[in-house]
Amino acid sequence: MKEFTYTRAADTGSVLAALAERPGVALLAGGTELLNWLKEGIEAPDHLIDIGGLPLYDIEETADGGLRIGALQKMADVARHPDVVRRFPALARSLLLAASPQLRNMATLGGNLQQRTRCPYFRAETGALPCNKRTPGSGCAALAAGAEDTAALFGWTEECVATHPSDMAVALAALDATVVVCGPGGTERRVPADAFHLTPQEAPVQRHTVLRDDELITAVEVPGTAWPSAYVKVRERASYEFALVSAAALVDLADDGTLRAARVALGGVAHKPWVLDGITPLVAGLRPADTAALHAAVGPLFEEARPPAGEGFKADLARRATVRALRDAAAVREGDR
């Protein structure tokens, strides 16, 4: 591991100044992801700034009835916050199903959003295996060797077939949340959660998010909504496992119990949370309990899925997770929110 210097930040301004003025700076919050990057050779900073003391811990109500959550809030604390549990069950559930209790007690919201893919070729120590994200032009071993369970269905290219691992990011995309970032001079920029991460089709494969080198995530804002929500995660074991596929759903129900509108985001299928655009006209008027009708209705949304060799099962799994999330969201009673 490369040697580096360490300081603890006194305020946000000093962090932004360091990011703007010094190359080779990395930020330390909970450390649950950065320490892995250091050990695996993914990052080799010259200077490490501990931002754990910055005042980015508040959870406040916004003017539209939503919540503004500080980027340094711990995942475990947000998952059990009464307002989150009552009003945004998909977010609470996505946090509770992530990682392990020990990691959730340390990991922050801002750090969770900046996770990198768990593709085993990207995570190989020293970058010895071909991976265009680690070594541009070296190839994509995951695609060449036969895709892994972590391979994408949407938005991938011959350069990279990896997926993003965050559960929380999927819920935030479905909830139409906003990632608030701060840049030089304290300038604030607001990024829709479903546009924060980048696919290889949208940007060079080495870019993971739209966050610039001189910017810091300061908060996440979840808009107020009366729609019930749910999060479904399908994984190979019951705990401490990343999703094969996941789905976060919000539903608007008519007085007769039929679906009036819906918003769904998928995880484990792309290098970003994948929002199923156009789902509302397909499911409107259907009853959430009519599983067969829902499966038939959402089928066209998966016609553009491109599963690599051996990954065909994931498209069907994602479709089933979508239907389950819609049903679970519809089953949330008014008193549960």
Protein backbone atom coordinates (compact mmCIF):
# COMPACT_ATOMS: atom_id res chain seq x y z
CA MET A 1 0.00 0.00 0.00
CA LYS A 2 1.30 3.44 -0.93
CA GLU A 3 2.17 5.80 1.92
CA PHE A 4 -0.04 8.87 2.35
CA THR A 5 -0.46 11.81 4.69
CA TYR A 6 -3.56 12.25 6.85
CA THR A 7 -5.47 15.24 8.21
CA ARG A 8 -8.87 15.70 9.85
CA ALA A 9 -11.01 18.37 8.21
CA ALA A 10 -12.12 21.32 10.32
CA ASP A 11 -14.83 22.57 7.98
CA THR A 12 -16.37 22.04 4.56
CA GLY A 13 -14.53 24.99 3.03
CA SER A 14 -11.12 23.54 3.78
CA VAL A 15 -12.11 20.23 2.20
CA LEU A 16 -13.32 21.91 -0.98
CA ALA A 17 -10.15 24.00 -1.13
CA ALA A 18 -7.98 20.89 -0.80
CA LEU A 19 -9.92 19.07 -3.50
CA ALA A 20 -9.53 22.03 -5.86
CA GLU A 21 -5.87 22.77 -5.15
CA ARG A 22 -4.18 19.43 -4.47
CA PRO A 23 -4.07 16.39 -6.75
CA GLY A 24 -4.18 12.95 -5.21
CA VAL A 25 -6.63 13.74 -2.39
CA ALA A 26 -9.08 11.12 -1.12
CA LEU A 27 -11.85 11.62 1.44
CA LEU A 28 -12.45 9.31 4.40
CA ALA A 29 -15.87 9.06 6.04
CA GLY A 30 -16.94 5.64 7.36
CA GLY A 31 -14.04 4.00 5.57
CA THR A 32 -15.92 0.81 4.74
CA GLU A 33 -15.31 1.21 1.00
CA LEU A 34 -12.17 3.37 0.81
CA LEU A 35 -10.10 0.95 2.87
CA ASN A 36 -10.95 -1.81 0.39
CA TRP A 37 -9.87 0.43 -2.48
CA LEU A 38 -6.53 1.09 -0.79
CA LYS A 39 -5.87 -2.60 -0.14
CA GLU A 40 -6.90 -3.65 -3.64
CA GLY A 41 -4.89 -0.94 -5.38
CA ILE A 42 -7.99 0.74 -6.81
CA GLU A 43 -6.97 4.02 -5.16
CA ALA A 44 -3.50 5.24 -4.20
CA PRO A 45 -3.95 8.77 -2.78
CA ASP A 46 -1.14 11.05 -1.69
CA HIS A 47 -3.26 12.65 1.00
CA LEU A 48 -6.26 11.42 3.00
CA ILE A 49 -8.72 13.88 4.55
CA ASP A 50 -11.01 12.62 7.30
CA ILE A 51 -14.37 14.38 6.87
CA GLY A 52 -16.13 12.63 9.74
CA GLY A 53 -16.27 15.83 11.79
CA LEU A 54 -18.13 17.92 9.19
CA PRO A 55 -21.68 19.07 10.09
CA LEU A 56 -23.42 16.81 7.58
CA TYR A 57 -25.52 14.68 9.93
CA ASP A 58 -28.90 16.46 10.10
CA ILE A 59 -32.20 14.96 8.96
CA GLU A 60 -34.58 17.82 8.26
CA GLU A 61 -37.99 18.21 6.69
CA THR A 62 -38.05 20.06 3.37
CA ALA A 63 -40.61 22.59 2.15
CA ASP A 64 -42.43 19.97 0.04
CA GLY A 65 -42.79 17.58 2.97
CA GLY A 66 -39.80 15.46 2.07
CA LEU A 67 -36.55 14.88 3.94
CA ARG A 68 -33.04 16.27 3.56
CA ILE A 69 -30.56 13.73 4.94
CA GLY A 70 -26.95 14.70 5.61
CA ALA A 71 -24.35 12.76 3.63
CA LEU A 72 -22.52 11.63 6.78
CA GLN A 73 -25.57 10.00 8.33
CA LYS A 74 -24.89 6.34 9.03
CA MET A 75 -26.91 3.83 7.05
CA ALA A 76 -28.16 2.11 10.21
CA ASP A 77 -29.37 5.39 11.71
CA VAL A 78 -31.28 6.38 8.58
CA ALA A 79 -32.82 2.90 8.28
CA ARG A 80 -34.42 3.18 11.71
CA HIS A 81 -35.29 6.89 11.65
CA PRO A 82 -39.06 7.10 12.35
CA ASP A 83 -39.79 9.47 9.44
CA VAL A 84 -37.91 7.28 6.99
CA VAL A 85 -39.57 4.08 8.19
CA ARG A 86 -43.06 5.61 8.11
CA ARG A 87 -42.89 7.65 4.90
CA PHE A 88 -40.26 5.94 2.75
CA PRO A 89 -40.32 2.20 3.54
CA ALA A 90 -38.46 1.35 0.31
CA LEU A 91 -35.50 3.43 1.48
CA ALA A 92 -35.53 1.97 4.99
CA ARG A 93 -35.74 -1.56 3.62
CA SER A 94 -32.96 -1.05 1.10
CA LEU A 95 -30.64 0.10 3.88
CA LEU A 96 -31.54 -2.78 6.20
CA LEU A 97 -30.89 -5.35 3.47
CA ALA A 98 -27.46 -3.91 2.63
CA ALA A 99 -24.14 -5.27 3.89
CA SER A 100 -23.97 -6.38 7.56
CA PRO A 101 -24.99 -4.68 10.82
CA GLN A 102 -21.37 -3.82 11.55
CA LEU A 103 -20.91 -2.13 8.18
CA ARG A 104 -24.26 -0.33 8.35
CA ASN A 105 -23.19 1.16 11.68
CA MET A 106 -20.12 2.71 10.02
CA ALA A 107 -21.02 3.33 6.37
CA THR A 108 -22.39 6.73 5.37
CA LEU A 109 -24.99 7.68 2.78
CA GLY A 110 -22.47 9.68 0.76
CA GLY A 111 -19.99 6.82 0.77
CA ASN A 112 -22.64 4.29 -0.19
CA LEU A 113 -23.47 6.29 -3.31
CA GLN A 114 -19.81 6.23 -4.33
CA GLN A 115 -19.38 2.48 -4.12
CA ARG A 116 -17.77 0.87 -7.12
CA THR A 117 -18.71 -2.31 -8.85
CA ARG A 118 -18.21 -5.65 -7.16
CA CYS A 119 -17.22 -7.32 -10.41
CA PRO A 120 -14.49 -9.78 -9.30
CA TYR A 121 -12.20 -8.74 -12.13
CA PHE A 122 -12.36 -5.09 -11.10
CA ARG A 123 -11.81 -6.06 -7.45
CA ALA A 124 -8.85 -8.36 -8.13
CA GLU A 125 -5.90 -7.16 -6.05
CA THR A 126 -3.26 -5.17 -7.97
CA GLY A 127 -5.49 -5.18 -11.05
CA ALA A 128 -3.74 -8.26 -12.44
CA LEU A 129 -6.76 -9.39 -14.48
CA PRO A 130 -8.03 -7.59 -17.59
CA CYS A 131 -10.43 -4.80 -16.62
CA ASN A 132 -10.95 -1.65 -18.64
CA LYS A 133 -12.04 0.20 -15.51
CA ARG A 134 -8.72 -0.54 -13.83
CA THR A 135 -6.45 -0.54 -16.87
CA PRO A 136 -7.93 1.18 -19.95
CA GLY A 137 -7.61 -0.94 -23.06
CA SER A 138 -6.83 -4.18 -21.23
CA GLY A 139 -10.22 -5.74 -22.00
CA CYS A 140 -13.21 -6.96 -20.02
CA ALA A 141 -12.42 -10.32 -18.43
CA ALA A 142 -16.00 -10.75 -17.20
CA LEU A 143 -17.30 -10.64 -20.76
CA ALA A 144 -14.46 -12.68 -22.24
CA ALA A 145 -14.63 -15.44 -19.63
CA GLY A 146 -18.40 -15.81 -19.67
CA ALA A 147 -20.42 -13.33 -17.69
CA GLU A 148 -20.66 -13.56 -13.94
CA ASP A 149 -23.86 -13.26 -11.91
CA THR A 150 -22.87 -9.62 -11.45
CA ALA A 151 -23.20 -8.86 -15.18
CA ALA A 152 -25.48 -6.15 -16.55
CA LEU A 153 -28.62 -6.45 -18.66
CA PHE A 154 -28.87 -2.81 -19.71
CA GLY A 155 -26.44 -0.03 -20.60
CA TRP A 156 -23.34 -2.18 -20.98
CA THR A 157 -20.78 -2.18 -23.77
CA GLU A 158 -17.96 -4.43 -24.92
CA GLU A 159 -15.74 -2.37 -22.60
CA CYS A 160 -17.61 -3.15 -19.40
CA VAL A 161 -20.46 -5.43 -18.34
CA ALA A 162 -20.35 -4.64 -14.61
CA THR A 163 -23.21 -3.53 -12.35
CA HIS A 164 -23.49 -1.06 -9.48
CA PRO A 165 -23.84 -2.70 -6.05
CA SER A 166 -25.76 -0.13 -3.97
CA ASP A 167 -29.19 -1.08 -2.64
CA MET A 168 -29.90 2.42 -1.36
CA ALA A 169 -29.21 4.03 -4.74
CA VAL A 170 -31.99 1.92 -6.29
CA ALA A 171 -34.52 3.10 -3.70
CA LEU A 172 -33.43 6.72 -4.15
CA ALA A 173 -33.86 6.47 -7.92
CA ALA A 174 -37.37 5.08 -7.53
CA LEU A 175 -38.21 7.80 -5.00
CA ASP A 176 -37.05 10.47 -7.48
CA ALA A 177 -34.54 11.73 -4.91
CA THR A 178 -31.82 14.32 -5.43
CA VAL A 179 -28.12 14.12 -4.59
CA VAL A 180 -26.84 17.48 -3.35
CA VAL A 181 -23.16 18.21 -4.02
CA CYS A 182 -20.99 21.18 -3.14
CA GLY A 183 -18.15 22.48 -5.31
CA PRO A 184 -15.58 25.28 -5.47
CA GLY A 185 -16.55 28.32 -3.45
CA GLY A 186 -19.42 26.45 -1.84
CA THR A 187 -21.46 26.35 -5.05
CA GLU A 188 -24.27 23.82 -4.70
CA ARG A 189 -25.32 21.47 -7.49
CA ARG A 190 -28.34 19.19 -7.46
CA VAL A 191 -28.27 15.90 -9.36
CA PRO A 192 -31.27 13.57 -9.83
CA ALA A 193 -30.49 10.27 -8.12
CA ASP A 194 -31.22 8.31 -11.29
CA ALA A 195 -28.63 10.39 -13.19
CA PHE A 196 -25.85 10.37 -10.58
CA HIS A 197 -24.22 7.14 -11.75
CA LEU A 198 -22.95 6.57 -15.28
CA THR A 199 -23.11 3.61 -17.63
CA PRO A 200 -20.34 2.81 -20.14
CA GLN A 201 -22.76 4.01 -22.83
CA GLU A 202 -22.91 7.46 -21.23
CA ALA A 203 -19.28 8.18 -20.38
CA PRO A 204 -15.76 6.72 -20.55
CA VAL A 205 -15.74 3.43 -18.68
CA GLN A 206 -13.38 4.79 -16.00
CA ARG A 207 -16.01 7.32 -14.84
CA HIS A 208 -18.41 5.98 -12.24
CA THR A 209 -20.52 9.03 -11.34
CA VAL A 210 -21.09 12.64 -12.40
CA LEU A 211 -19.30 13.84 -9.22
CA ARG A 212 -16.30 15.97 -10.15
CA ASP A 213 -12.92 15.76 -8.45
CA ASP A 214 -13.48 19.09 -6.70
CA GLU A 215 -16.97 18.27 -5.38
CA LEU A 216 -18.30 16.80 -2.15
CA ILE A 217 -21.67 15.11 -1.55
CA THR A 218 -23.39 17.01 1.26
CA ALA A 219 -26.93 15.62 1.38
CA VAL A 220 -29.66 13.50 -0.18
CA GLU A 221 -33.14 14.95 -0.56
CA VAL A 222 -36.18 12.69 -0.83
CA PRO A 223 -39.31 14.50 -2.05
CA GLY A 224 -42.55 14.24 -0.13
CA THR A 225 -44.94 11.66 -1.55
CA ALA A 226 -48.08 9.90 -0.37
CA TRP A 227 -47.37 6.88 -2.56
CA PRO A 228 -46.58 3.65 -0.72
CA SER A 229 -43.27 2.01 -1.61
CA ALA A 230 -41.41 -1.28 -1.25
CA TYR A 231 -37.98 -2.75 -1.94
CA VAL A 232 -37.30 -6.34 -3.02
CA LYS A 233 -33.81 -7.87 -3.08
CA VAL A 234 -32.98 -11.24 -4.64
CA ARG A 235 -29.63 -12.66 -3.58
CA GLU A 236 -27.84 -15.98 -3.26
CA ARG A 237 -27.89 -16.01 0.55
CA ALA A 238 -29.97 -14.33 3.21
CA SER A 239 -27.45 -11.80 4.54
CA TYR A 240 -24.30 -9.86 3.67
CA GLU A 241 -24.70 -10.42 -0.06
CA PHE A 242 -25.09 -8.11 -3.03
CA ALA A 243 -28.21 -8.34 -5.16
CA LEU A 244 -28.48 -10.56 -8.20
CA VAL A 245 -31.37 -8.25 -8.97
CA SER A 246 -33.43 -5.86 -6.86
CA ALA A 247 -36.46 -3.64 -7.40
CA ALA A 248 -37.81 -0.56 -5.66
CA ALA A 249 -41.39 0.40 -6.47
CA LEU A 250 -43.79 3.25 -5.71
CA VAL A 251 -47.45 2.90 -6.59
CA ASP A 252 -50.39 5.27 -6.79
CA LEU A 253 -53.64 3.41 -6.14
CA ALA A 254 -57.11 4.43 -7.32
CA ASP A 255 -60.06 4.30 -4.95
CA ASP A 256 -61.04 0.89 -6.31
CA GLY A 257 -57.60 -0.54 -5.51
CA THR A 258 -56.30 -0.65 -9.07
CA LEU A 259 -52.98 0.83 -10.09
CA ARG A 260 -53.17 4.41 -11.31
CA ALA A 261 -49.42 5.01 -11.70
CA ALA A 262 -46.11 3.42 -10.73
CA ARG A 263 -42.39 4.11 -10.66
CA VAL A 264 -39.85 1.27 -10.53
CA ALA A 265 -36.05 1.21 -10.41
CA LEU A 266 -33.98 -1.96 -10.72
CA GLY A 267 -30.65 -2.88 -9.18
CA GLY A 268 -28.10 -5.48 -10.25
CA VAL A 269 -28.93 -4.98 -13.93
CA ALA A 270 -26.79 -1.98 -14.96
CA HIS A 271 -23.96 0.24 -13.79
CA LYS A 272 -26.63 2.53 -12.32
CA PRO A 273 -30.12 2.10 -10.89
CA TRP A 274 -32.21 1.32 -13.95
CA VAL A 275 -35.53 3.17 -14.00
CA LEU A 276 -38.25 1.40 -15.96
CA ASP A 277 -39.51 4.31 -18.02
CA GLY A 278 -43.00 3.90 -19.39
CA ILE A 279 -44.27 1.47 -16.77
CA THR A 280 -47.37 3.51 -15.82
CA PRO A 281 -49.37 3.09 -19.06
CA LEU A 282 -48.59 -0.63 -19.01
CA VAL A 283 -49.90 -1.31 -15.49
CA ALA A 284 -52.58 1.36 -15.09
CA GLY A 285 -55.96 -0.17 -14.31
CA LEU A 286 -54.53 -3.51 -13.18
CA ARG A 287 -55.06 -4.99 -9.74
CA PRO A 288 -51.81 -5.55 -7.83
CA ALA A 289 -52.96 -9.02 -6.79
CA ASP A 290 -53.33 -10.09 -10.44
CA THR A 291 -49.82 -11.45 -10.79
CA ALA A 292 -50.33 -12.96 -14.24
CA ALA A 293 -51.63 -9.67 -15.64
CA LEU A 294 -48.72 -7.74 -14.14
CA HIS A 295 -46.16 -10.18 -15.56
CA ALA A 296 -47.68 -9.80 -19.02
CA ALA A 297 -47.90 -6.03 -18.69
CA VAL A 298 -44.27 -5.39 -17.70
CA GLY A 299 -42.86 -7.92 -20.16
CA PRO A 300 -42.21 -5.36 -22.93
CA LEU A 301 -39.95 -3.38 -20.58
CA PHE A 302 -37.45 -6.24 -20.68
CA GLU A 303 -37.41 -6.79 -24.43
CA GLU A 304 -34.36 -4.50 -24.71
CA ALA A 305 -32.42 -6.43 -22.06
CA ARG A 306 -29.17 -7.81 -23.43
CA PRO A 307 -28.05 -10.57 -21.06
CA PRO A 308 -24.52 -11.77 -21.81
CA ALA A 309 -24.02 -15.47 -22.42
CA GLY A 310 -25.24 -17.49 -19.45
CA GLU A 311 -27.13 -14.58 -17.91
CA GLY A 312 -30.54 -15.05 -19.50
CA PHE A 313 -32.06 -15.98 -16.15
CA LYS A 314 -31.47 -12.47 -14.81
CA ALA A 315 -33.96 -10.86 -17.17
CA ASP A 316 -36.72 -13.16 -15.96
CA LEU A 317 -35.60 -12.67 -12.36
CA ALA A 318 -35.72 -8.89 -12.76
CA ARG A 319 -39.21 -9.07 -14.25
CA ARG A 320 -40.41 -11.18 -11.33
CA ALA A 321 -38.78 -8.82 -8.82
CA THR A 322 -40.58 -5.91 -10.50
CA VAL A 323 -43.96 -7.58 -10.08
CA ARG A 324 -43.19 -8.53 -6.47
CA ALA A 325 -42.16 -4.96 -5.64
CA LEU A 326 -45.35 -3.57 -7.18
CA ARG A 327 -47.46 -6.00 -5.17
CA ASP A 328 -45.55 -5.31 -1.94
CA ALA A 329 -45.87 -1.54 -2.38
CA ALA A 330 -49.59 -1.83 -2.99
CA ALA A 331 -49.93 -3.91 0.16
CA VAL A 332 -48.52 -1.15 2.36
CA ARG A 333 -51.46 0.16 4.36
CA GLU A 334 -51.99 3.84 5.08
CA GLY A 335 -51.24 3.24 8.75
CA ASP A 336 -47.87 1.72 7.92
CA ARG A 337 -46.54 4.86 6.23
